[in-house]
């Protein structure tokens, strides 16, 4: 009996220690620090208990975690912008996250302060989409996508709205304009019983 209690206590301590050691700024597939794809908007209050949550264009009489929110740390640094799948539902899961703070990093060292060279050196580029003012770079096997302002592209393609930009045309020195994470929440379809 004593061995069972001691073993349970050691497992509990190890679990608490592992939770404490988790880097709050580490980005992995499906998670950022203590945030994960399964987190609902109403849970943000407890996850960011030491930070400030600011509502952005929330519906009148909305609760704090209903609609799009910005997260600021104790020092007033803007950490991220969180967008739910459904703006009016506090039980909605997170759909998009825009990171602002360079402390957030991937295992391969990608941050908001990275350049396109860092992306090419560490990731496989799945797709590049051209918009009016920017190019959006999607990374293979990743939730991450980044936006690079067209002002950082060579002049011959910068102003041509009909040009589809290729990754080879993006200069290594191009900074990231937006560092985004998109989480798809496709409904799991239960198999039909026959």
Foldseek 3Di string as FASTA:
>chain_A
DVVVVVVVVVVVVVVVVVLVPFDQQEDDAQDGGPHGQQDFLLCVCVVVVQWDKAADPAPPPAPRRAAKIWIAHPVGHTAKIWGFPHRGDRRTTTFKIWGDDQSRAYPQGDGQFAFLLSCVVPFDWDDWADDQFWIKTDTPPHQKIFIFGLVQFDPVVSHDRPDGDDSVRGDRGTGTPIIMGGDDDDDDDDDDDD
